Amino acid sequence: MEKVAIFGNAGAGKSTLAKQLAAITGLPLYPLDTIKFRAGRYRPEEKDGGEVSQEEYQNLHADLLKRDRWIIDGYDSVASAWQRFDAADTLVYIDLPLLTLYRWVTKRLVKGLFRNPVGWPENSPIWSSTLSGYRVIRLCHQHLTPKYRQLVASASSDKRIHHLRSPAEIRSFLEAVSKEKLKSDADETRKTTEPPRSPTGSVV
């Protein structure tokens, strides 16, 4: 797990999962919103919200995909999403029921009245983003969800696939990754501390 693409419908908790996964694995996290908007923040005084040009975004996105290690959370477009899916060695698809998505978006709105949602740029427009989120949930479920499900079904031969269908599965996934990381760290420590051995097995 070196290049991880996290995706799913609006309100699925992608940003929260991405942040938790980065903390466990130590992989650098790149939320696309902080790349797409200048200085990682929306600018209310600018009509375009401080959004970089499409050409600049594409260059930044292409540069990210060339790096050896990353977790990328976000969408932007079908074209850039599938570029990430092709470049990733691990796909994490959060595929929650629609009622859960609507409930979580509403919960995020309430929390956003007091503090910025996890993974969002500073000064994000909470109300308009939430209203847009309700619409995106329906559209994504109609048009993208079938493609996402087909992707994870067909990509299992050459990528690690994690198809998470409930909050419980999300928790289990994070616990499994944490255990795997602890084991990997322990194995690495043992390799560096054990004395070298000869081909016969004796300590050199």
C-alpha atoms as a PDB file:
ATOM      1  CA  MET A   1       0.000   0.000   0.000  1.00  0.00           C
ATOM      2  CA  GLU A   2       1.962   2.964  -1.337  1.00  0.00           C
ATOM      3  CA  LYS A   3      -0.435   4.771  -3.689  1.00  0.00           C
ATOM      4  CA  VAL A   4      -3.986   4.920  -2.373  1.00  0.00           C
ATOM      5  CA  ALA A   5      -7.042   6.387  -4.125  1.00  0.00           C
ATOM      6  CA  ILE A   6     -10.042   6.927  -1.846  1.00  0.00           C
ATOM      7  CA  PHE A   7     -13.377   7.517  -3.519  1.00  0.00           C
ATOM      8  CA  GLY A   8     -17.136   7.272  -3.082  1.00  0.00           C
ATOM      9  CA  ASN A   9     -20.292   9.351  -2.971  1.00  0.00           C
ATOM     10  CA  ALA A  10     -20.623  12.735  -1.295  1.00  0.00           C
ATOM     11  CA  GLY A  11     -20.886  12.575   2.483  1.00  0.00           C
ATOM     12  CA  ALA A  12     -19.345   9.101   2.702  1.00  0.00           C
ATOM     13  CA  GLY A  13     -16.585  10.190   5.092  1.00  0.00           C
ATOM     14  CA  LYS A  14     -13.771  10.020   2.542  1.00  0.00           C
ATOM     15  CA  SER A  15     -11.815  12.913   4.058  1.00  0.00           C
ATOM     16  CA  THR A  16     -12.063  11.496   7.569  1.00  0.00           C
ATOM     17  CA  LEU A  17     -10.973   8.046   6.410  1.00  0.00           C
ATOM     18  CA  ALA A  18      -8.112   9.509   4.369  1.00  0.00           C
ATOM     19  CA  LYS A  19      -6.819  11.458   7.373  1.00  0.00           C
ATOM     20  CA  GLN A  20      -7.020   8.387   9.630  1.00  0.00           C
ATOM     21  CA  LEU A  21      -5.323   6.178   7.046  1.00  0.00           C
ATOM     22  CA  ALA A  22      -2.505   8.700   6.589  1.00  0.00           C
ATOM     23  CA  ALA A  23      -1.966   8.823  10.357  1.00  0.00           C
ATOM     24  CA  ILE A  24      -1.703   5.027  10.535  1.00  0.00           C
ATOM     25  CA  THR A  25       0.470   4.420   7.488  1.00  0.00           C
ATOM     26  CA  GLY A  26       2.574   7.565   7.390  1.00  0.00           C
ATOM     27  CA  LEU A  27       1.707   8.049   3.725  1.00  0.00           C
ATOM     28  CA  PRO A  28       1.462  11.707   2.608  1.00  0.00           C
ATOM     29  CA  LEU A  29      -2.137  12.859   2.203  1.00  0.00           C
ATOM     30  CA  TYR A  30      -3.265  15.082  -0.686  1.00  0.00           C
ATOM     31  CA  PRO A  31      -6.918  16.213  -0.504  1.00  0.00           C
ATOM     32  CA  LEU A  32      -7.755  17.475  -3.986  1.00  0.00           C
ATOM     33  CA  ASP A  33      -9.662  20.494  -2.678  1.00  0.00           C
ATOM     34  CA  THR A  34      -6.477  21.852  -1.090  1.00  0.00           C
ATOM     35  CA  ILE A  35      -4.763  21.491  -4.455  1.00  0.00           C
ATOM     36  CA  LYS A  36      -7.546  22.900  -6.567  1.00  0.00           C
ATOM     37  CA  PHE A  37      -7.968  26.049  -4.479  1.00  0.00           C
ATOM     38  CA  ARG A  38      -5.139  28.555  -4.017  1.00  0.00           C
ATOM     39  CA  ALA A  39      -3.297  28.339  -0.712  1.00  0.00           C
ATOM     40  CA  GLY A  40      -5.671  25.554   0.268  1.00  0.00           C
ATOM     41  CA  ARG A  41      -8.615  27.841   0.973  1.00  0.00           C
ATOM     42  CA  TYR A  42     -11.721  29.281  -0.599  1.00  0.00           C
ATOM     43  CA  ARG A  43     -11.644  33.026  -1.125  1.00  0.00           C
ATOM     44  CA  PRO A  44     -15.101  34.582  -0.753  1.00  0.00           C
ATOM     45  CA  GLU A  45     -13.939  37.810  -2.356  1.00  0.00           C
ATOM     46  CA  GLU A  46     -13.120  35.971  -5.593  1.00  0.00           C
ATOM     47  CA  LYS A  47     -15.951  34.905  -7.856  1.00  0.00           C
ATOM     48  CA  ASP A  48     -14.250  31.620  -8.691  1.00  0.00           C
ATOM     49  CA  GLY A  49     -13.602  30.878  -5.004  1.00  0.00           C
ATOM     50  CA  GLY A  50      -9.843  31.054  -5.500  1.00  0.00           C
ATOM     51  CA  GLU A  51      -9.860  28.096  -7.842  1.00  0.00           C
ATOM     52  CA  VAL A  52      -6.713  27.474  -9.884  1.00  0.00           C
ATOM     53  CA  SER A  53      -6.940  27.171 -13.654  1.00  0.00           C
ATOM     54  CA  GLN A  54      -7.760  23.779 -15.096  1.00  0.00           C
ATOM     55  CA  GLU A  55      -4.350  23.634 -16.752  1.00  0.00           C
ATOM     56  CA  GLU A  56      -2.570  24.340 -13.466  1.00  0.00           C
ATOM     57  CA  TYR A  57      -4.703  21.777 -11.660  1.00  0.00           C
ATOM     58  CA  GLN A  58      -3.983  19.116 -14.275  1.00  0.00           C
ATOM     59  CA  ASN A  59      -0.243  19.769 -13.974  1.00  0.00           C
ATOM     60  CA  LEU A  60      -0.363  19.544 -10.180  1.00  0.00           C
ATOM     61  CA  HIS A  61      -2.456  16.387 -10.368  1.00  0.00           C
ATOM     62  CA  ALA A  62      -0.091  14.757 -12.869  1.00  0.00           C
ATOM     63  CA  ASP A  63       2.863  15.610 -10.639  1.00  0.00           C
ATOM     64  CA  LEU A  64       1.175  13.940  -7.677  1.00  0.00           C
ATOM     65  CA  LEU A  65       0.570  10.719  -9.583  1.00  0.00           C
ATOM     66  CA  LYS A  66       4.277  10.472 -10.436  1.00  0.00           C
ATOM     67  CA  ARG A  67       5.273  10.419  -6.770  1.00  0.00           C
ATOM     68  CA  ASP A  68       6.178   7.163  -5.067  1.00  0.00           C
ATOM     69  CA  ARG A  69       3.804   7.425  -2.113  1.00  0.00           C
ATOM     70  CA  TRP A  70       0.447   9.121  -1.666  1.00  0.00           C
ATOM     71  CA  ILE A  71      -3.117   9.026  -0.456  1.00  0.00           C
ATOM     72  CA  ILE A  72      -5.415  11.098  -2.655  1.00  0.00           C
ATOM     73  CA  ASP A  73      -8.937  11.994  -1.568  1.00  0.00           C
ATOM     74  CA  GLY A  74     -11.368  13.830  -3.810  1.00  0.00           C
ATOM     75  CA  TYR A  75     -13.050  13.706  -7.200  1.00  0.00           C
ATOM     76  CA  ASP A  76     -12.876  16.735  -9.559  1.00  0.00           C
ATOM     77  CA  SER A  77     -13.756  14.866 -12.783  1.00  0.00           C
ATOM     78  CA  VAL A  78     -14.227  11.422 -14.314  1.00  0.00           C
ATOM     79  CA  ALA A  79     -11.038  11.820 -16.343  1.00  0.00           C
ATOM     80  CA  SER A  80      -8.785  12.699 -13.389  1.00  0.00           C
ATOM     81  CA  ALA A  81     -10.476  10.106 -11.150  1.00  0.00           C
ATOM     82  CA  TRP A  82      -9.718   7.282 -13.554  1.00  0.00           C
ATOM     83  CA  GLN A  83      -6.151   8.529 -13.946  1.00  0.00           C
ATOM     84  CA  ARG A  84      -5.759   8.099 -10.173  1.00  0.00           C
ATOM     85  CA  PHE A  85      -7.368   4.685 -10.239  1.00  0.00           C
ATOM     86  CA  ASP A  86      -4.926   3.551 -12.927  1.00  0.00           C
ATOM     87  CA  ALA A  87      -1.900   4.908 -11.032  1.00  0.00           C
ATOM     88  CA  ALA A  88      -2.943   3.615  -7.597  1.00  0.00           C
ATOM     89  CA  ASP A  89      -1.888   0.263  -6.193  1.00  0.00           C
ATOM     90  CA  THR A  90      -4.748   0.376  -3.658  1.00  0.00           C
ATOM     91  CA  LEU A  91      -8.369   1.422  -4.194  1.00  0.00           C
ATOM     92  CA  VAL A  92     -10.572   2.247  -1.207  1.00  0.00           C
ATOM     93  CA  TYR A  93     -14.209   2.576  -2.252  1.00  0.00           C
ATOM     94  CA  ILE A  94     -16.712   3.744   0.383  1.00  0.00           C
ATOM     95  CA  ASP A  95     -20.079   2.485  -0.824  1.00  0.00           C
ATOM     96  CA  LEU A  96     -22.629   3.370   1.860  1.00  0.00           C
ATOM     97  CA  PRO A  97     -26.463   3.243   1.710  1.00  0.00           C
ATOM     98  CA  LEU A  98     -28.138   6.414   0.488  1.00  0.00           C
ATOM     99  CA  LEU A  99     -29.901   7.082   3.810  1.00  0.00           C
ATOM    100  CA  THR A 100     -26.562   6.958   5.606  1.00  0.00           C
ATOM    101  CA  LEU A 101     -25.087   9.444   3.139  1.00  0.00           C
ATOM    102  CA  TYR A 102     -27.944  11.916   3.550  1.00  0.00           C
ATOM    103  CA  ARG A 103     -27.735  11.592   7.335  1.00  0.00           C
ATOM    104  CA  TRP A 104     -23.976  12.155   7.388  1.00  0.00           C
ATOM    105  CA  VAL A 105     -24.162  15.201   5.098  1.00  0.00           C
ATOM    106  CA  THR A 106     -26.776  16.722   7.409  1.00  0.00           C
ATOM    107  CA  LYS A 107     -24.640  15.902  10.451  1.00  0.00           C
ATOM    108  CA  ARG A 108     -21.653  17.536   8.760  1.00  0.00           C
ATOM    109  CA  LEU A 109     -23.731  20.674   8.175  1.00  0.00           C
ATOM    110  CA  VAL A 110     -24.617  20.937  11.864  1.00  0.00           C
ATOM    111  CA  LYS A 111     -20.999  20.420  12.942  1.00  0.00           C
ATOM    112  CA  GLY A 112     -19.805  22.834  10.253  1.00  0.00           C
ATOM    113  CA  LEU A 113     -21.699  25.646  11.913  1.00  0.00           C
ATOM    114  CA  PHE A 114     -19.155  25.448  14.737  1.00  0.00           C
ATOM    115  CA  ARG A 115     -15.955  24.243  13.064  1.00  0.00           C
ATOM    116  CA  ASN A 116     -14.654  23.449   9.588  1.00  0.00           C
ATOM    117  CA  PRO A 117     -15.323  19.846   8.477  1.00  0.00           C
ATOM    118  CA  VAL A 118     -12.288  17.536   8.448  1.00  0.00           C
ATOM    119  CA  GLY A 119     -10.314  17.797   5.217  1.00  0.00           C
ATOM    120  CA  TRP A 120     -12.131  20.907   3.942  1.00  0.00           C
ATOM    121  CA  PRO A 121     -10.248  24.089   2.991  1.00  0.00           C
ATOM    122  CA  GLU A 122     -10.559  26.963   5.447  1.00  0.00           C
ATOM    123  CA  ASN A 123     -13.598  29.241   5.070  1.00  0.00           C
ATOM    124  CA  SER A 124     -15.481  26.635   3.029  1.00  0.00           C
ATOM    125  CA  PRO A 125     -19.092  27.660   2.257  1.00  0.00           C
ATOM    126  CA  ILE A 126     -20.849  25.108   4.491  1.00  0.00           C
ATOM    127  CA  TRP A 127     -24.451  25.899   3.558  1.00  0.00           C
ATOM    128  CA  SER A 128     -24.013  25.952  -0.214  1.00  0.00           C
ATOM    129  CA  SER A 129     -21.705  22.928  -0.117  1.00  0.00           C
ATOM    130  CA  THR A 130     -24.269  20.954   1.891  1.00  0.00           C
ATOM    131  CA  LEU A 131     -27.128  21.810  -0.442  1.00  0.00           C
ATOM    132  CA  SER A 132     -24.923  20.869  -3.368  1.00  0.00           C
ATOM    133  CA  GLY A 133     -24.014  17.657  -1.536  1.00  0.00           C
ATOM    134  CA  TYR A 134     -27.646  16.519  -1.421  1.00  0.00           C
ATOM    135  CA  ARG A 135     -27.879  16.922  -5.179  1.00  0.00           C
ATOM    136  CA  VAL A 136     -24.495  15.275  -5.794  1.00  0.00           C
ATOM    137  CA  ILE A 137     -25.484  12.221  -3.742  1.00  0.00           C
ATOM    138  CA  ARG A 138     -28.418  11.515  -6.037  1.00  0.00           C
ATOM    139  CA  LEU A 139     -26.500  12.177  -9.249  1.00  0.00           C
ATOM    140  CA  CYS A 140     -23.461  10.170  -8.157  1.00  0.00           C
ATOM    141  CA  HIS A 141     -25.647   7.242  -7.148  1.00  0.00           C
ATOM    142  CA  GLN A 142     -27.312   7.269 -10.549  1.00  0.00           C
ATOM    143  CA  HIS A 143     -24.274   7.766 -12.770  1.00  0.00           C
ATOM    144  CA  LEU A 144     -21.026   7.010 -10.924  1.00  0.00           C
ATOM    145  CA  THR A 145     -21.907   4.303  -8.407  1.00  0.00           C
ATOM    146  CA  PRO A 146     -22.447   1.644 -11.101  1.00  0.00           C
ATOM    147  CA  LYS A 147     -19.072   2.571 -12.662  1.00  0.00           C
ATOM    148  CA  TYR A 148     -17.322   2.499  -9.300  1.00  0.00           C
ATOM    149  CA  ARG A 149     -18.729  -0.938  -8.512  1.00  0.00           C
ATOM    150  CA  GLN A 150     -17.699  -2.247 -11.905  1.00  0.00           C
ATOM    151  CA  LEU A 151     -14.214  -0.806 -11.378  1.00  0.00           C
ATOM    152  CA  VAL A 152     -13.604  -2.524  -8.043  1.00  0.00           C
ATOM    153  CA  ALA A 153     -14.975  -5.789  -9.427  1.00  0.00           C
ATOM    154  CA  SER A 154     -12.623  -5.752 -12.420  1.00  0.00           C
ATOM    155  CA  ALA A 155      -9.479  -4.293 -10.836  1.00  0.00           C
ATOM    156  CA  SER A 156      -8.949  -6.931  -8.139  1.00  0.00           C
ATOM    157  CA  SER A 157      -6.421  -8.858 -10.232  1.00  0.00           C
ATOM    158  CA  ASP A 158      -3.741  -6.143 -10.141  1.00  0.00           C
ATOM    159  CA  LYS A 159      -4.679  -3.858  -7.214  1.00  0.00           C
ATOM    160  CA  ARG A 160      -5.577  -4.130  -3.567  1.00  0.00           C
ATOM    161  CA  ILE A 161      -9.303  -3.465  -3.342  1.00  0.00           C
ATOM    162  CA  HIS A 162     -11.196  -2.401  -0.225  1.00  0.00           C
ATOM    163  CA  HIS A 163     -14.932  -2.137  -0.917  1.00  0.00           C
ATOM    164  CA  LEU A 164     -16.401  -0.710   2.298  1.00  0.00           C
ATOM    165  CA  ARG A 165     -20.183  -0.936   2.537  1.00  0.00           C
ATOM    166  CA  SER A 166     -20.901   0.136   6.124  1.00  0.00           C
ATOM    167  CA  PRO A 167     -19.428   2.157   9.005  1.00  0.00           C
ATOM    168  CA  ALA A 168     -18.522  -1.149  10.656  1.00  0.00           C
ATOM    169  CA  GLU A 169     -16.523  -2.212   7.597  1.00  0.00           C
ATOM    170  CA  ILE A 170     -14.719   1.148   7.619  1.00  0.00           C
ATOM    171  CA  ARG A 171     -13.702   0.607  11.245  1.00  0.00           C
ATOM    172  CA  SER A 172     -12.604  -2.972  10.529  1.00  0.00           C
ATOM    173  CA  PHE A 173     -10.525  -1.787   7.575  1.00  0.00           C
ATOM    174  CA  LEU A 174      -8.681   0.790   9.675  1.00  0.00           C
ATOM    175  CA  GLU A 175      -8.074  -1.761  12.428  1.00  0.00           C
ATOM    176  CA  ALA A 176      -6.679  -4.252   9.902  1.00  0.00           C
ATOM    177  CA  VAL A 177      -4.357  -1.645   8.383  1.00  0.00           C
ATOM    178  CA  SER A 178      -3.175  -0.641  11.845  1.00  0.00           C
ATOM    179  CA  LYS A 179      -2.368  -4.252  12.757  1.00  0.00           C
ATOM    180  CA  GLU A 180      -0.589  -4.757   9.441  1.00  0.00           C
ATOM    181  CA  LYS A 181       1.487  -1.614  10.012  1.00  0.00           C
ATOM    182  CA  LEU A 182       2.451  -2.691  13.525  1.00  0.00           C
ATOM    183  CA  LYS A 183       3.516  -6.109  12.260  1.00  0.00           C
ATOM    184  CA  SER A 184       5.506  -4.570   9.400  1.00  0.00           C
ATOM    185  CA  ASP A 185       7.261  -2.175  11.799  1.00  0.00           C
ATOM    186  CA  ALA A 186       8.057  -5.029  14.193  1.00  0.00           C
ATOM    187  CA  ASP A 187       9.486  -7.147  11.366  1.00  0.00           C
ATOM    188  CA  GLU A 188      11.618  -4.244  10.190  1.00  0.00           C
ATOM    189  CA  THR A 189      12.908  -3.623  13.709  1.00  0.00           C
ATOM    190  CA  ARG A 190      13.767  -7.286  14.129  1.00  0.00           C
ATOM    191  CA  LYS A 191      15.709  -7.299  10.866  1.00  0.00           C
ATOM    192  CA  THR A 192      17.803  -4.310  11.911  1.00  0.00           C
ATOM    193  CA  THR A 193      18.529  -5.555  15.435  1.00  0.00           C
ATOM    194  CA  GLU A 194      19.225  -9.258  14.828  1.00  0.00           C
ATOM    195  CA  PRO A 195      22.900 -10.125  14.290  1.00  0.00           C
ATOM    196  CA  PRO A 196      23.822 -11.355  10.781  1.00  0.00           C
ATOM    197  CA  ARG A 197      23.868 -15.103  10.281  1.00  0.00           C
ATOM    198  CA  SER A 198      26.008 -17.350   8.102  1.00  0.00           C
ATOM    199  CA  PRO A 199      24.450 -19.642   5.459  1.00  0.00           C
ATOM    200  CA  THR A 200      24.497 -22.442   8.054  1.00  0.00           C
ATOM    201  CA  GLY A 201      22.386 -20.370  10.423  1.00  0.00           C
ATOM    202  CA  SER A 202      25.049 -19.554  12.980  1.00  0.00           C
ATOM    203  CA  VAL A 203      25.604 -16.020  14.191  1.00  0.00           C
ATOM    204  CA  VAL A 204      28.451 -14.317  12.354  1.00  0.00           C
END
